Amino acid sequence: MENIINMVMALKNVSIFENLPDHVLADIAEITVVESIDKGSTFINKGDLGDNMFIIKSGKAKVHDGEHSITILHENQIVGELAILAPVQRTADVTALENLTVFKINRDYFADLLAEEFDIVKGLMISLVDRIIKNNEKLKEAKLSV
């Protein structure tokens, strides 16, 4: 029980979950696996079919396409959330820059929760829209610098 309470408190710090009621967070906590990832390990590979979303709980990870660095992930940031919605190919590699602790959420288990809780769907949609807006801004900046 204490682990579930601690997990609920941790999930509240993640943008897509911050506005969810505690009972929904408890349901998410029950399907969440805590994993350790060693520094230098690539835990998401571009081109692979994804079936898990990850939340960085401690450490840093780099999202990259080969040698091209896309962004650095920090505590409470999510990666792989597209895979939680559909079986799509990963669009980039993600490598641990430090030893990581991550929360891993599997698509199949999460899909059952999505069917019951629209608030989760809404949170994911907001997260994805934010990402699209940020990517569009980066594209505009890149065009202006050319």
N, C-alpha and C. Protein backbone atom coordinates (compact mmCIF):
# COMPACT_ATOMS: atom_id res chain seq x y z
N MET A 1 0.82 -1.20 0.00
CA MET A 1 0.00 0.00 0.00
C MET A 1 0.86 1.27 0.00
N GLU A 2 1.92 1.26 0.81
CA GLU A 2 2.81 2.43 0.87
C GLU A 2 3.44 2.69 -0.49
N ASN A 3 3.82 1.62 -1.22
CA ASN A 3 4.41 1.80 -2.54
C ASN A 3 3.43 2.46 -3.50
N ILE A 4 2.16 2.09 -3.44
CA ILE A 4 1.14 2.70 -4.29
C ILE A 4 0.99 4.18 -3.95
N ILE A 5 0.97 4.50 -2.67
CA ILE A 5 0.85 5.90 -2.25
C ILE A 5 2.04 6.71 -2.74
N ASN A 6 3.25 6.17 -2.60
CA ASN A 6 4.45 6.85 -3.09
C ASN A 6 4.41 7.03 -4.60
N MET A 7 3.94 6.01 -5.31
CA MET A 7 3.84 6.08 -6.76
C MET A 7 2.82 7.15 -7.18
N VAL A 8 1.69 7.20 -6.50
CA VAL A 8 0.67 8.22 -6.79
C VAL A 8 1.27 9.61 -6.61
N MET A 9 2.00 9.82 -5.53
CA MET A 9 2.63 11.13 -5.29
C MET A 9 3.62 11.46 -6.41
N ALA A 10 4.38 10.47 -6.86
CA ALA A 10 5.35 10.68 -7.93
C ALA A 10 4.64 10.98 -9.25
N LEU A 11 3.57 10.26 -9.55
CA LEU A 11 2.84 10.47 -10.81
C LEU A 11 2.21 11.86 -10.88
N LYS A 12 1.87 12.44 -9.74
CA LYS A 12 1.29 13.79 -9.72
C LYS A 12 2.26 14.83 -10.27
N ASN A 13 3.55 14.52 -10.27
CA ASN A 13 4.56 15.46 -10.76
C ASN A 13 4.80 15.36 -12.26
N VAL A 14 4.07 14.47 -12.93
CA VAL A 14 4.22 14.27 -14.38
C VAL A 14 3.09 15.03 -15.08
N SER A 15 3.46 15.84 -16.07
CA SER A 15 2.50 16.76 -16.69
C SER A 15 1.21 16.11 -17.15
N ILE A 16 1.27 14.96 -17.77
CA ILE A 16 0.04 14.36 -18.31
C ILE A 16 -0.86 13.79 -17.23
N PHE A 17 -0.34 13.62 -16.04
CA PHE A 17 -1.12 13.03 -14.96
C PHE A 17 -1.47 14.02 -13.85
N GLU A 18 -0.93 15.23 -13.87
CA GLU A 18 -1.02 16.14 -12.73
C GLU A 18 -2.44 16.51 -12.32
N ASN A 19 -3.38 16.47 -13.24
CA ASN A 19 -4.75 16.87 -12.90
C ASN A 19 -5.69 15.70 -12.67
N LEU A 20 -5.16 14.50 -12.65
CA LEU A 20 -6.00 13.32 -12.47
C LEU A 20 -6.31 13.10 -10.99
N PRO A 21 -7.51 12.59 -10.71
CA PRO A 21 -7.84 12.27 -9.31
C PRO A 21 -6.99 11.12 -8.78
N ASP A 22 -6.84 11.07 -7.47
CA ASP A 22 -5.99 10.06 -6.84
C ASP A 22 -6.39 8.63 -7.17
N HIS A 23 -7.69 8.35 -7.29
CA HIS A 23 -8.09 6.97 -7.59
C HIS A 23 -7.63 6.53 -8.97
N VAL A 24 -7.58 7.47 -9.92
CA VAL A 24 -7.08 7.15 -11.27
C VAL A 24 -5.57 6.96 -11.22
N LEU A 25 -4.88 7.83 -10.48
CA LEU A 25 -3.44 7.69 -10.32
C LEU A 25 -3.09 6.36 -9.65
N ALA A 26 -3.91 5.93 -8.71
CA ALA A 26 -3.68 4.64 -8.06
C ALA A 26 -3.81 3.50 -9.06
N ASP A 27 -4.78 3.61 -9.97
CA ASP A 27 -4.92 2.59 -11.03
C ASP A 27 -3.69 2.57 -11.93
N ILE A 28 -3.19 3.75 -12.28
CA ILE A 28 -1.98 3.83 -13.12
C ILE A 28 -0.79 3.27 -12.35
N ALA A 29 -0.69 3.60 -11.08
CA ALA A 29 0.42 3.11 -10.25
C ALA A 29 0.46 1.58 -10.22
N GLU A 30 -0.70 0.96 -10.22
CA GLU A 30 -0.75 -0.50 -10.16
C GLU A 30 -0.21 -1.18 -11.42
N ILE A 31 -0.22 -0.47 -12.55
CA ILE A 31 0.30 -1.07 -13.79
C ILE A 31 1.69 -0.56 -14.15
N THR A 32 2.25 0.27 -13.28
CA THR A 32 3.56 0.88 -13.53
C THR A 32 4.66 0.02 -12.93
N VAL A 33 5.71 -0.18 -13.72
CA VAL A 33 6.87 -0.96 -13.29
C VAL A 33 8.04 0.01 -13.11
N VAL A 34 8.76 -0.11 -12.00
CA VAL A 34 9.95 0.70 -11.76
C VAL A 34 11.15 -0.09 -12.27
N GLU A 35 11.97 0.56 -13.12
CA GLU A 35 13.15 -0.10 -13.67
C GLU A 35 14.37 0.78 -13.51
N SER A 36 15.53 0.15 -13.43
CA SER A 36 16.82 0.84 -13.44
C SER A 36 17.45 0.62 -14.79
N ILE A 37 18.03 1.69 -15.34
CA ILE A 37 18.71 1.62 -16.63
C ILE A 37 20.11 2.17 -16.45
N ASP A 38 21.10 1.40 -16.88
CA ASP A 38 22.50 1.79 -16.71
C ASP A 38 22.89 2.92 -17.66
N LYS A 39 23.78 3.78 -17.18
CA LYS A 39 24.35 4.85 -17.99
C LYS A 39 24.90 4.25 -19.28
N GLY A 40 24.59 4.89 -20.40
CA GLY A 40 25.07 4.43 -21.70
C GLY A 40 24.16 3.46 -22.41
N SER A 41 23.15 2.95 -21.71
CA SER A 41 22.22 1.99 -22.32
C SER A 41 21.17 2.72 -23.15
N THR A 42 20.94 2.21 -24.34
CA THR A 42 19.87 2.72 -25.19
C THR A 42 18.63 1.88 -24.91
N PHE A 43 17.59 2.52 -24.37
CA PHE A 43 16.40 1.77 -23.97
C PHE A 43 15.22 1.98 -24.91
N ILE A 44 15.35 2.90 -25.85
CA ILE A 44 14.41 3.03 -26.96
C ILE A 44 15.24 3.10 -28.22
N ASN A 45 14.91 2.26 -29.19
CA ASN A 45 15.66 2.20 -30.45
C ASN A 45 14.78 2.66 -31.61
N LYS A 46 15.29 3.61 -32.38
CA LYS A 46 14.57 4.11 -33.54
C LYS A 46 14.20 2.94 -34.45
N GLY A 47 12.95 2.94 -34.91
CA GLY A 47 12.49 1.91 -35.83
C GLY A 47 11.79 0.74 -35.15
N ASP A 48 12.07 0.52 -33.86
CA ASP A 48 11.40 -0.56 -33.14
C ASP A 48 9.93 -0.21 -32.93
N LEU A 49 9.09 -1.23 -32.88
CA LEU A 49 7.70 -1.00 -32.51
C LEU A 49 7.65 -0.79 -31.00
N GLY A 50 7.04 0.30 -30.60
CA GLY A 50 6.97 0.61 -29.18
C GLY A 50 5.72 0.06 -28.54
N ASP A 51 5.85 -0.39 -27.31
CA ASP A 51 4.68 -0.81 -26.55
C ASP A 51 4.74 -0.32 -25.10
N ASN A 52 5.70 0.56 -24.80
CA ASN A 52 5.84 1.11 -23.45
C ASN A 52 6.12 2.60 -23.51
N MET A 53 5.62 3.30 -22.51
CA MET A 53 5.95 4.69 -22.27
C MET A 53 6.84 4.73 -21.04
N PHE A 54 7.78 5.66 -20.99
CA PHE A 54 8.69 5.78 -19.86
C PHE A 54 8.58 7.17 -19.24
N ILE A 55 8.69 7.21 -17.93
CA ILE A 55 8.76 8.46 -17.18
C ILE A 55 10.11 8.46 -16.47
N ILE A 56 10.90 9.49 -16.71
CA ILE A 56 12.21 9.60 -16.05
C ILE A 56 11.97 10.01 -14.60
N LYS A 57 12.38 9.18 -13.66
CA LYS A 57 12.23 9.51 -12.25
C LYS A 57 13.52 10.05 -11.65
N SER A 58 14.65 9.59 -12.12
CA SER A 58 15.92 10.17 -11.70
C SER A 58 16.93 9.93 -12.80
N GLY A 59 17.84 10.89 -12.96
CA GLY A 59 18.85 10.80 -14.00
C GLY A 59 18.45 11.61 -15.22
N LYS A 60 19.28 11.50 -16.26
CA LYS A 60 19.05 12.21 -17.52
C LYS A 60 19.20 11.23 -18.67
N ALA A 61 18.45 11.49 -19.74
CA ALA A 61 18.54 10.67 -20.94
C ALA A 61 18.55 11.59 -22.16
N LYS A 62 19.19 11.11 -23.22
CA LYS A 62 19.28 11.89 -24.45
C LYS A 62 18.41 11.25 -25.52
N VAL A 63 17.55 12.06 -26.14
CA VAL A 63 16.80 11.64 -27.31
C VAL A 63 17.63 12.05 -28.51
N HIS A 64 17.91 11.09 -29.38
CA HIS A 64 18.80 11.40 -30.50
C HIS A 64 18.48 10.55 -31.72
N ASP A 65 18.94 11.04 -32.85
CA ASP A 65 18.84 10.31 -34.12
C ASP A 65 20.28 10.15 -34.59
N GLY A 66 20.85 9.00 -34.29
CA GLY A 66 22.26 8.80 -34.57
C GLY A 66 23.08 9.73 -33.71
N GLU A 67 23.92 10.54 -34.33
CA GLU A 67 24.76 11.49 -33.60
C GLU A 67 24.06 12.81 -33.33
N HIS A 68 22.91 13.03 -33.98
CA HIS A 68 22.17 14.29 -33.82
C HIS A 68 21.32 14.26 -32.56
N SER A 69 21.67 15.11 -31.59
CA SER A 69 20.92 15.19 -30.33
C SER A 69 19.66 16.02 -30.54
N ILE A 70 18.53 15.48 -30.08
CA ILE A 70 17.25 16.16 -30.24
C ILE A 70 16.87 16.91 -28.97
N THR A 71 16.97 16.24 -27.83
CA THR A 71 16.67 16.88 -26.55
C THR A 71 17.24 16.04 -25.41
N ILE A 72 17.32 16.65 -24.25
CA ILE A 72 17.73 15.96 -23.03
C ILE A 72 16.50 15.86 -22.13
N LEU A 73 16.26 14.66 -21.63
CA LEU A 73 15.13 14.42 -20.73
C LEU A 73 15.60 14.44 -19.28
N HIS A 74 14.79 15.02 -18.43
CA HIS A 74 15.08 15.14 -17.01
C HIS A 74 13.96 14.51 -16.19
N GLU A 75 14.10 14.59 -14.88
CA GLU A 75 13.12 14.03 -13.95
C GLU A 75 11.70 14.49 -14.28
N ASN A 76 10.77 13.54 -14.24
CA ASN A 76 9.34 13.74 -14.47
C ASN A 76 8.96 14.00 -15.92
N GLN A 77 9.91 13.86 -16.84
CA GLN A 77 9.57 13.99 -18.25
C GLN A 77 9.24 12.61 -18.81
N ILE A 78 8.39 12.62 -19.84
CA ILE A 78 7.94 11.37 -20.45
C ILE A 78 8.57 11.20 -21.81
N VAL A 79 8.68 9.95 -22.21
CA VAL A 79 9.18 9.62 -23.54
C VAL A 79 8.48 8.34 -23.98
N GLY A 80 8.16 8.28 -25.26
CA GLY A 80 7.51 7.09 -25.80
C GLY A 80 6.01 7.09 -25.65
N GLU A 81 5.43 8.26 -25.40
CA GLU A 81 3.98 8.29 -25.17
C GLU A 81 3.16 7.96 -26.40
N LEU A 82 3.73 8.13 -27.60
CA LEU A 82 3.00 7.70 -28.81
C LEU A 82 2.76 6.20 -28.79
N ALA A 83 3.71 5.46 -28.26
CA ALA A 83 3.59 3.99 -28.21
C ALA A 83 2.49 3.54 -27.27
N ILE A 84 2.10 4.39 -26.35
CA ILE A 84 1.05 4.03 -25.41
C ILE A 84 -0.32 4.12 -26.09
N LEU A 85 -0.37 4.86 -27.21
CA LEU A 85 -1.64 5.05 -27.92
C LEU A 85 -1.81 4.11 -29.10
N ALA A 86 -0.70 3.76 -29.75
CA ALA A 86 -0.79 2.92 -30.95
C ALA A 86 0.54 2.21 -31.17
N PRO A 87 0.50 1.07 -31.84
CA PRO A 87 1.75 0.34 -32.12
C PRO A 87 2.51 0.98 -33.28
N VAL A 88 3.21 2.06 -32.98
CA VAL A 88 3.96 2.79 -34.00
C VAL A 88 5.46 2.60 -33.79
N GLN A 89 6.21 2.82 -34.87
CA GLN A 89 7.66 2.71 -34.78
C GLN A 89 8.22 3.89 -33.99
N ARG A 90 9.26 3.61 -33.23
CA ARG A 90 9.96 4.66 -32.49
C ARG A 90 10.61 5.61 -33.48
N THR A 91 10.55 6.91 -33.20
CA THR A 91 11.06 7.91 -34.14
C THR A 91 12.48 8.36 -33.81
N ALA A 92 13.01 7.92 -32.68
CA ALA A 92 14.37 8.30 -32.28
C ALA A 92 14.89 7.28 -31.27
N ASP A 93 16.18 7.35 -31.02
CA ASP A 93 16.81 6.54 -29.97
C ASP A 93 16.76 7.34 -28.67
N VAL A 94 16.74 6.64 -27.54
CA VAL A 94 16.85 7.29 -26.23
C VAL A 94 17.88 6.52 -25.43
N THR A 95 18.91 7.25 -24.98
CA THR A 95 20.05 6.66 -24.28
C THR A 95 20.23 7.33 -22.92
N ALA A 96 20.50 6.53 -21.91
CA ALA A 96 20.73 7.04 -20.56
C ALA A 96 22.07 7.77 -20.50
N LEU A 97 22.04 9.03 -20.08
CA LEU A 97 23.27 9.80 -19.89
C LEU A 97 23.84 9.57 -18.49
N GLU A 98 22.99 9.12 -17.59
CA GLU A 98 23.33 8.77 -16.21
C GLU A 98 22.57 7.50 -15.88
N ASN A 99 22.91 6.88 -14.76
CA ASN A 99 22.06 5.78 -14.30
C ASN A 99 20.66 6.34 -14.09
N LEU A 100 19.67 5.64 -14.61
CA LEU A 100 18.29 6.12 -14.57
C LEU A 100 17.42 5.23 -13.70
N THR A 101 16.43 5.84 -13.12
CA THR A 101 15.27 5.12 -12.60
C THR A 101 14.10 5.62 -13.42
N VAL A 102 13.35 4.69 -14.00
CA VAL A 102 12.21 5.05 -14.83
C VAL A 102 10.97 4.31 -14.37
N PHE A 103 9.83 4.91 -14.65
CA PHE A 103 8.55 4.23 -14.54
C PHE A 103 8.20 3.78 -15.95
N LYS A 104 7.87 2.52 -16.11
CA LYS A 104 7.51 1.97 -17.42
C LYS A 104 6.04 1.57 -17.38
N ILE A 105 5.29 2.06 -18.38
CA ILE A 105 3.86 1.75 -18.47
C ILE A 105 3.61 1.08 -19.81
N ASN A 106 3.01 -0.10 -19.75
CA ASN A 106 2.75 -0.91 -20.94
C ASN A 106 1.44 -0.50 -21.61
N ARG A 107 1.45 -0.47 -22.95
CA ARG A 107 0.29 -0.06 -23.73
C ARG A 107 -0.95 -0.91 -23.44
N ASP A 108 -0.81 -2.23 -23.42
CA ASP A 108 -1.98 -3.09 -23.25
C ASP A 108 -2.69 -2.82 -21.93
N TYR A 109 -1.93 -2.70 -20.86
CA TYR A 109 -2.54 -2.41 -19.55
C TYR A 109 -3.13 -1.00 -19.52
N PHE A 110 -2.40 -0.07 -20.14
CA PHE A 110 -2.84 1.32 -20.15
C PHE A 110 -4.12 1.48 -20.96
N ALA A 111 -4.25 0.71 -22.05
CA ALA A 111 -5.44 0.79 -22.90
C ALA A 111 -6.70 0.47 -22.11
N ASP A 112 -6.61 -0.48 -21.21
CA ASP A 112 -7.77 -0.81 -20.37
C ASP A 112 -8.18 0.39 -19.52
N LEU A 113 -7.19 1.11 -18.99
CA LEU A 113 -7.50 2.30 -18.19
C LEU A 113 -8.06 3.43 -19.05
N LEU A 114 -7.52 3.58 -20.27
CA LEU A 114 -8.01 4.63 -21.17
C LEU A 114 -9.49 4.45 -21.47
N ALA A 115 -9.91 3.21 -21.60
CA ALA A 115 -11.31 2.93 -21.90
C ALA A 115 -12.23 3.38 -20.77
N GLU A 116 -11.69 3.43 -19.56
CA GLU A 116 -12.50 3.78 -18.39
C GLU A 116 -12.38 5.24 -17.97
N GLU A 117 -11.28 5.89 -18.30
CA GLU A 117 -11.00 7.23 -17.77
C GLU A 117 -10.64 8.22 -18.88
N PHE A 118 -11.61 9.04 -19.28
CA PHE A 118 -11.36 10.01 -20.34
C PHE A 118 -10.33 11.05 -19.91
N ASP A 119 -10.21 11.34 -18.63
CA ASP A 119 -9.24 12.33 -18.16
C ASP A 119 -7.82 11.96 -18.56
N ILE A 120 -7.53 10.66 -18.62
CA ILE A 120 -6.19 10.22 -19.05
C ILE A 120 -5.99 10.57 -20.52
N VAL A 121 -7.01 10.30 -21.33
CA VAL A 121 -6.94 10.60 -22.77
C VAL A 121 -6.72 12.10 -22.95
N LYS A 122 -7.45 12.90 -22.21
CA LYS A 122 -7.32 14.35 -22.31
C LYS A 122 -5.90 14.80 -21.96
N GLY A 123 -5.33 14.24 -20.91
CA GLY A 123 -3.96 14.58 -20.52
C GLY A 123 -2.95 14.23 -21.59
N LEU A 124 -3.11 13.06 -22.20
CA LEU A 124 -2.21 12.66 -23.28
C LEU A 124 -2.35 13.58 -24.48
N MET A 125 -3.57 13.94 -24.82
CA MET A 125 -3.79 14.83 -25.96
C MET A 125 -3.13 16.18 -25.73
N ILE A 126 -3.26 16.72 -24.54
CA ILE A 126 -2.63 18.01 -24.23
C ILE A 126 -1.11 17.90 -24.35
N SER A 127 -0.55 16.81 -23.85
CA SER A 127 0.89 16.58 -23.94
C SER A 127 1.35 16.51 -25.39
N LEU A 128 0.61 15.80 -26.21
CA LEU A 128 0.98 15.66 -27.62
C LEU A 128 0.84 16.98 -28.37
N VAL A 129 -0.20 17.75 -28.09
CA VAL A 129 -0.37 19.06 -28.72
C VAL A 129 0.79 19.97 -28.33
N ASP A 130 1.18 19.96 -27.05
CA ASP A 130 2.33 20.77 -26.62
C ASP A 130 3.59 20.38 -27.38
N ARG A 131 3.79 19.09 -27.57
CA ARG A 131 4.97 18.62 -28.30
C ARG A 131 4.93 19.09 -29.76
N ILE A 132 3.77 19.03 -30.39
CA ILE A 132 3.64 19.49 -31.78
C ILE A 132 3.94 20.98 -31.88
N ILE A 133 3.42 21.76 -30.95
CA ILE A 133 3.68 23.20 -30.95
C ILE A 133 5.17 23.48 -30.80
N LYS A 134 5.84 22.80 -29.87
CA LYS A 134 7.28 22.99 -29.67
C LYS A 134 8.06 22.59 -30.92
N ASN A 135 7.68 21.49 -31.55
CA ASN A 135 8.37 21.05 -32.76
C ASN A 135 8.16 22.05 -33.90
N ASN A 136 6.96 22.60 -34.02
CA ASN A 136 6.71 23.61 -35.04
C ASN A 136 7.56 24.85 -34.80
N GLU A 137 7.71 25.26 -33.54
CA GLU A 137 8.56 26.40 -33.22
C GLU A 137 10.01 26.13 -33.59
N LYS A 138 10.49 24.91 -33.33
CA LYS A 138 11.86 24.55 -33.69
C LYS A 138 12.05 24.58 -35.20
N LEU A 139 11.04 24.11 -35.94
CA LEU A 139 11.13 24.15 -37.41
C LEU A 139 11.18 25.58 -37.92
N LYS A 140 10.37 26.47 -37.34
CA LYS A 140 10.39 27.88 -37.75
C LYS A 140 11.75 28.49 -37.47
N GLU A 141 12.31 28.22 -36.30
CA GLU A 141 13.63 28.75 -35.95
C GLU A 141 14.70 28.22 -36.90
N ALA A 142 14.61 26.94 -37.25
CA ALA A 142 15.58 26.35 -38.16
C ALA A 142 15.49 26.99 -39.54
N LYS A 143 14.28 27.27 -40.01
CA LYS A 143 14.10 27.91 -41.32
C LYS A 143 14.65 29.32 -41.31
N LEU A 144 14.46 30.04 -40.20
CA LEU A 144 14.94 31.41 -40.11
C LEU A 144 16.46 31.48 -40.07
N SER A 145 17.09 30.44 -39.55
CA SER A 145 18.55 30.47 -39.43
C SER A 145 19.25 29.99 -40.70
N VAL A 146 18.47 29.55 -41.69
CA VAL A 146 19.08 29.06 -42.94
C VAL A 146 19.26 30.17 -43.91
